[in-house]
Amino acid sequence: MEPFTFTSALWRWAAQDAWRFVTLPEELSETIRLTSGPPKGFGSIRVAVTVGATSWRTSVFPDTGSHCYVLPMKRAVRQAEDLQDGDLVTVTVQPLDAWRVT
């Protein structure tokens, strides 16, 4: 599966103050849901991510409220890219366990 780029606001999870996320767009979330292999724990899908000059591997998780996937933004990434709550973040994400569509 090709990588996807989107822009989303960085937000703080109310239930756990230390966690920050960006929400994947609805259409991209649906594409990942339909084309990725079986989800892992908590419904997660493994992804490779790039924000600015920082790249890492992590997972996106389904959010029942928005029906979209959310991407956790590690503190190290937020610090390296000088990101604050509410900032718009441009993200490139590539699912790692995509089914082959022929």
N, C-alpha and C. Protein backbone atom coordinates (compact mmCIF):
# COMPACT_ATOMS: atom_id res chain seq x y z
N MET A 1 0.85 -1.17 0.00
CA MET A 1 0.00 0.00 0.00
C MET A 1 0.90 1.24 0.00
N GLU A 2 0.52 2.19 -0.79
CA GLU A 2 1.27 3.45 -0.88
C GLU A 2 1.11 4.26 0.40
N PRO A 3 2.10 5.10 0.71
CA PRO A 3 1.94 5.99 1.86
C PRO A 3 0.89 7.07 1.60
N PHE A 4 0.28 7.55 2.66
CA PHE A 4 -0.72 8.60 2.60
C PHE A 4 -0.23 9.78 3.42
N THR A 5 -0.48 11.00 2.95
CA THR A 5 -0.12 12.20 3.69
C THR A 5 -1.39 12.97 4.01
N PHE A 6 -1.49 13.45 5.24
CA PHE A 6 -2.64 14.22 5.69
C PHE A 6 -2.18 15.23 6.74
N THR A 7 -3.02 16.18 7.04
CA THR A 7 -2.75 17.17 8.09
C THR A 7 -3.88 17.12 9.10
N SER A 8 -3.51 17.10 10.38
CA SER A 8 -4.50 17.00 11.45
C SER A 8 -3.97 17.72 12.68
N ALA A 9 -4.88 18.18 13.54
CA ALA A 9 -4.48 18.87 14.77
C ALA A 9 -4.01 17.88 15.83
N LEU A 10 -2.97 18.26 16.54
CA LEU A 10 -2.47 17.47 17.67
C LEU A 10 -3.37 17.72 18.87
N TRP A 11 -3.84 16.64 19.50
CA TRP A 11 -4.74 16.78 20.65
C TRP A 11 -4.31 15.91 21.81
N ARG A 12 -4.72 16.34 23.01
CA ARG A 12 -4.38 15.64 24.25
C ARG A 12 -5.54 14.74 24.64
N TRP A 13 -5.23 13.50 25.01
CA TRP A 13 -6.25 12.54 25.44
C TRP A 13 -6.70 12.90 26.85
N ALA A 14 -7.99 13.17 27.02
CA ALA A 14 -8.52 13.61 28.31
C ALA A 14 -8.33 12.56 29.41
N ALA A 15 -8.40 11.29 29.05
CA ALA A 15 -8.30 10.22 30.06
C ALA A 15 -6.88 10.02 30.58
N GLN A 16 -5.89 10.45 29.82
CA GLN A 16 -4.48 10.26 30.21
C GLN A 16 -3.70 11.46 29.70
N ASP A 17 -3.45 12.40 30.57
CA ASP A 17 -2.88 13.70 30.21
C ASP A 17 -1.57 13.62 29.42
N ALA A 18 -0.79 12.58 29.60
CA ALA A 18 0.52 12.50 28.95
C ALA A 18 0.43 12.11 27.47
N TRP A 19 -0.68 11.55 27.03
CA TRP A 19 -0.81 11.05 25.66
C TRP A 19 -1.31 12.12 24.71
N ARG A 20 -0.68 12.18 23.52
CA ARG A 20 -1.11 13.09 22.46
C ARG A 20 -1.35 12.26 21.20
N PHE A 21 -2.31 12.71 20.39
CA PHE A 21 -2.68 11.99 19.18
C PHE A 21 -2.98 12.95 18.05
N VAL A 22 -2.98 12.44 16.83
CA VAL A 22 -3.62 13.09 15.69
C VAL A 22 -4.62 12.08 15.15
N THR A 23 -5.71 12.58 14.59
CA THR A 23 -6.77 11.73 14.06
C THR A 23 -6.61 11.62 12.55
N LEU A 24 -6.61 10.38 12.05
CA LEU A 24 -6.55 10.17 10.61
C LEU A 24 -7.89 10.57 10.00
N PRO A 25 -7.87 11.09 8.77
CA PRO A 25 -9.13 11.44 8.11
C PRO A 25 -10.03 10.21 7.95
N GLU A 26 -11.33 10.46 7.90
CA GLU A 26 -12.31 9.38 7.81
C GLU A 26 -12.07 8.49 6.58
N GLU A 27 -11.82 9.09 5.42
CA GLU A 27 -11.62 8.30 4.20
C GLU A 27 -10.36 7.43 4.30
N LEU A 28 -9.29 7.97 4.84
CA LEU A 28 -8.06 7.20 5.02
C LEU A 28 -8.28 6.09 6.04
N SER A 29 -8.98 6.38 7.11
CA SER A 29 -9.28 5.35 8.12
C SER A 29 -10.06 4.20 7.50
N GLU A 30 -11.02 4.52 6.66
CA GLU A 30 -11.80 3.47 6.00
C GLU A 30 -10.92 2.65 5.05
N THR A 31 -10.06 3.31 4.31
CA THR A 31 -9.13 2.60 3.41
C THR A 31 -8.25 1.65 4.19
N ILE A 32 -7.70 2.11 5.29
CA ILE A 32 -6.84 1.25 6.12
C ILE A 32 -7.65 0.09 6.67
N ARG A 33 -8.86 0.35 7.13
CA ARG A 33 -9.72 -0.70 7.70
C ARG A 33 -10.01 -1.78 6.65
N LEU A 34 -10.24 -1.37 5.41
CA LEU A 34 -10.61 -2.33 4.35
C LEU A 34 -9.43 -3.06 3.72
N THR A 35 -8.24 -2.47 3.79
CA THR A 35 -7.12 -3.06 3.05
C THR A 35 -6.01 -3.62 3.92
N SER A 36 -6.10 -3.43 5.24
CA SER A 36 -5.05 -3.93 6.12
C SER A 36 -5.36 -5.35 6.57
N GLY A 37 -4.30 -6.05 6.93
CA GLY A 37 -4.46 -7.40 7.45
C GLY A 37 -5.20 -7.37 8.78
N PRO A 38 -5.33 -8.53 9.41
CA PRO A 38 -6.06 -8.59 10.67
C PRO A 38 -5.46 -7.64 11.70
N PRO A 39 -6.31 -6.92 12.45
CA PRO A 39 -5.79 -6.01 13.46
C PRO A 39 -5.09 -6.76 14.59
N LYS A 40 -4.21 -6.05 15.26
CA LYS A 40 -3.49 -6.59 16.42
C LYS A 40 -4.27 -6.20 17.67
N GLY A 41 -3.61 -6.20 18.81
CA GLY A 41 -4.24 -5.86 20.07
C GLY A 41 -4.94 -4.51 20.05
N PHE A 42 -6.09 -4.42 20.68
CA PHE A 42 -6.90 -3.21 20.75
C PHE A 42 -7.35 -2.73 19.37
N GLY A 43 -7.33 -3.61 18.36
CA GLY A 43 -7.74 -3.24 17.01
C GLY A 43 -6.69 -2.45 16.24
N SER A 44 -5.45 -2.47 16.73
CA SER A 44 -4.40 -1.64 16.14
C SER A 44 -3.90 -2.18 14.81
N ILE A 45 -3.37 -1.26 14.00
CA ILE A 45 -2.77 -1.58 12.70
C ILE A 45 -1.36 -0.99 12.71
N ARG A 46 -0.36 -1.80 12.40
CA ARG A 46 1.03 -1.33 12.37
C ARG A 46 1.26 -0.39 11.19
N VAL A 47 2.01 0.69 11.45
CA VAL A 47 2.28 1.69 10.42
C VAL A 47 3.71 2.22 10.55
N ALA A 48 4.22 2.72 9.42
CA ALA A 48 5.44 3.52 9.41
C ALA A 48 4.99 4.97 9.26
N VAL A 49 5.63 5.88 10.00
CA VAL A 49 5.17 7.26 10.07
C VAL A 49 6.35 8.21 9.88
N THR A 50 6.08 9.33 9.19
CA THR A 50 7.04 10.42 9.11
C THR A 50 6.33 11.72 9.41
N VAL A 51 6.93 12.51 10.30
CA VAL A 51 6.49 13.87 10.60
C VAL A 51 7.74 14.73 10.53
N GLY A 52 7.75 15.66 9.59
CA GLY A 52 8.94 16.49 9.41
C GLY A 52 10.15 15.62 9.09
N ALA A 53 11.20 15.74 9.90
CA ALA A 53 12.43 14.96 9.69
C ALA A 53 12.46 13.70 10.55
N THR A 54 11.37 13.40 11.25
CA THR A 54 11.33 12.28 12.18
C THR A 54 10.49 11.14 11.61
N SER A 55 11.07 9.94 11.59
CA SER A 55 10.36 8.74 11.13
C SER A 55 10.42 7.67 12.21
N TRP A 56 9.35 6.89 12.35
CA TRP A 56 9.30 5.81 13.31
C TRP A 56 8.21 4.83 12.92
N ARG A 57 8.18 3.70 13.62
CA ARG A 57 7.13 2.69 13.44
C ARG A 57 6.31 2.63 14.71
N THR A 58 5.01 2.51 14.53
CA THR A 58 4.09 2.47 15.66
C THR A 58 2.81 1.79 15.18
N SER A 59 1.72 2.04 15.84
CA SER A 59 0.41 1.53 15.42
C SER A 59 -0.60 2.65 15.50
N VAL A 60 -1.64 2.55 14.66
CA VAL A 60 -2.81 3.42 14.79
C VAL A 60 -3.89 2.59 15.47
N PHE A 61 -4.78 3.28 16.18
CA PHE A 61 -5.80 2.61 16.98
C PHE A 61 -7.17 3.15 16.61
N PRO A 62 -8.19 2.27 16.57
CA PRO A 62 -9.54 2.75 16.26
C PRO A 62 -10.09 3.58 17.42
N ASP A 63 -10.73 4.69 17.07
CA ASP A 63 -11.37 5.56 18.05
C ASP A 63 -12.88 5.42 17.88
N THR A 64 -13.55 4.91 18.89
CA THR A 64 -14.99 4.66 18.77
C THR A 64 -15.79 5.95 18.64
N GLY A 65 -15.28 7.05 19.18
CA GLY A 65 -16.02 8.31 19.10
C GLY A 65 -16.05 8.89 17.69
N SER A 66 -14.90 8.89 17.02
CA SER A 66 -14.82 9.49 15.68
C SER A 66 -14.97 8.47 14.57
N HIS A 67 -14.86 7.18 14.90
CA HIS A 67 -14.87 6.08 13.92
C HIS A 67 -13.68 6.18 12.97
N CYS A 68 -12.63 6.86 13.42
CA CYS A 68 -11.39 6.98 12.66
C CYS A 68 -10.26 6.37 13.48
N TYR A 69 -9.13 6.15 12.82
CA TYR A 69 -7.95 5.73 13.55
C TYR A 69 -7.27 6.96 14.14
N VAL A 70 -6.60 6.76 15.28
CA VAL A 70 -5.80 7.82 15.87
C VAL A 70 -4.35 7.33 15.96
N LEU A 71 -3.44 8.28 15.79
CA LEU A 71 -2.01 8.00 15.79
C LEU A 71 -1.39 8.64 17.04
N PRO A 72 -0.79 7.81 17.92
CA PRO A 72 -0.12 8.40 19.08
C PRO A 72 1.14 9.14 18.64
N MET A 73 1.36 10.30 19.24
CA MET A 73 2.54 11.12 18.93
C MET A 73 3.44 11.12 20.16
N LYS A 74 4.54 10.36 20.08
CA LYS A 74 5.46 10.24 21.20
C LYS A 74 6.06 11.59 21.59
N ARG A 75 6.38 11.72 22.85
CA ARG A 75 7.01 12.95 23.35
C ARG A 75 8.27 13.28 22.57
N ALA A 76 9.09 12.27 22.27
CA ALA A 76 10.34 12.51 21.54
C ALA A 76 10.07 13.13 20.17
N VAL A 77 9.02 12.69 19.51
CA VAL A 77 8.66 13.25 18.20
C VAL A 77 8.16 14.68 18.38
N ARG A 78 7.29 14.89 19.35
CA ARG A 78 6.75 16.24 19.59
C ARG A 78 7.87 17.22 19.91
N GLN A 79 8.85 16.79 20.69
CA GLN A 79 9.97 17.66 21.02
C GLN A 79 10.87 17.90 19.81
N ALA A 80 11.19 16.84 19.07
CA ALA A 80 12.06 16.97 17.89
C ALA A 80 11.45 17.88 16.84
N GLU A 81 10.13 17.85 16.71
CA GLU A 81 9.44 18.64 15.68
C GLU A 81 8.80 19.91 16.25
N ASP A 82 9.04 20.18 17.54
CA ASP A 82 8.54 21.38 18.21
C ASP A 82 7.02 21.51 18.05
N LEU A 83 6.31 20.45 18.43
CA LEU A 83 4.85 20.41 18.29
C LEU A 83 4.17 20.64 19.63
N GLN A 84 3.13 21.46 19.62
CA GLN A 84 2.34 21.76 20.81
C GLN A 84 0.90 21.36 20.56
N ASP A 85 0.14 21.17 21.64
CA ASP A 85 -1.29 20.85 21.52
C ASP A 85 -1.97 21.86 20.61
N GLY A 86 -2.79 21.37 19.69
CA GLY A 86 -3.53 22.22 18.77
C GLY A 86 -2.80 22.53 17.48
N ASP A 87 -1.49 22.26 17.41
CA ASP A 87 -0.74 22.51 16.17
C ASP A 87 -1.25 21.59 15.06
N LEU A 88 -1.26 22.11 13.84
CA LEU A 88 -1.55 21.26 12.68
C LEU A 88 -0.29 20.51 12.32
N VAL A 89 -0.43 19.19 12.18
CA VAL A 89 0.71 18.32 11.93
C VAL A 89 0.51 17.63 10.58
N THR A 90 1.52 17.72 9.70
CA THR A 90 1.47 17.00 8.44
C THR A 90 2.16 15.66 8.65
N VAL A 91 1.42 14.59 8.37
CA VAL A 91 1.85 13.22 8.68
C VAL A 91 1.83 12.39 7.40
N THR A 92 2.87 11.60 7.20
CA THR A 92 2.85 10.57 6.16
C THR A 92 2.81 9.24 6.87
N VAL A 93 1.82 8.43 6.53
CA VAL A 93 1.62 7.14 7.20
C VAL A 93 1.50 6.05 6.13
N GLN A 94 2.14 4.91 6.42
CA GLN A 94 2.06 3.77 5.51
C GLN A 94 1.76 2.51 6.32
N PRO A 95 0.59 1.90 6.10
CA PRO A 95 0.28 0.64 6.78
C PRO A 95 1.31 -0.42 6.40
N LEU A 96 1.72 -1.21 7.39
CA LEU A 96 2.75 -2.23 7.15
C LEU A 96 2.18 -3.61 6.89
N ASP A 97 0.93 -3.83 7.19
CA ASP A 97 0.32 -5.16 7.04
C ASP A 97 -0.84 -5.15 6.06
N ALA A 98 -0.68 -4.41 4.97
CA ALA A 98 -1.78 -4.27 4.00
C ALA A 98 -1.95 -5.54 3.18
N TRP A 99 -3.21 -5.85 2.91
CA TRP A 99 -3.53 -6.93 1.98
C TRP A 99 -3.13 -6.48 0.59
N ARG A 100 -2.78 -7.40 -0.24
CA ARG A 100 -2.52 -7.06 -1.64
C ARG A 100 -3.83 -6.99 -2.38
N VAL A 101 -4.06 -5.89 -3.05
CA VAL A 101 -5.27 -5.72 -3.84
C VAL A 101 -4.86 -5.92 -5.29
N THR A 102 -5.51 -6.88 -5.97
CA THR A 102 -5.17 -7.14 -7.37
C THR A 102 -6.34 -6.90 -8.28
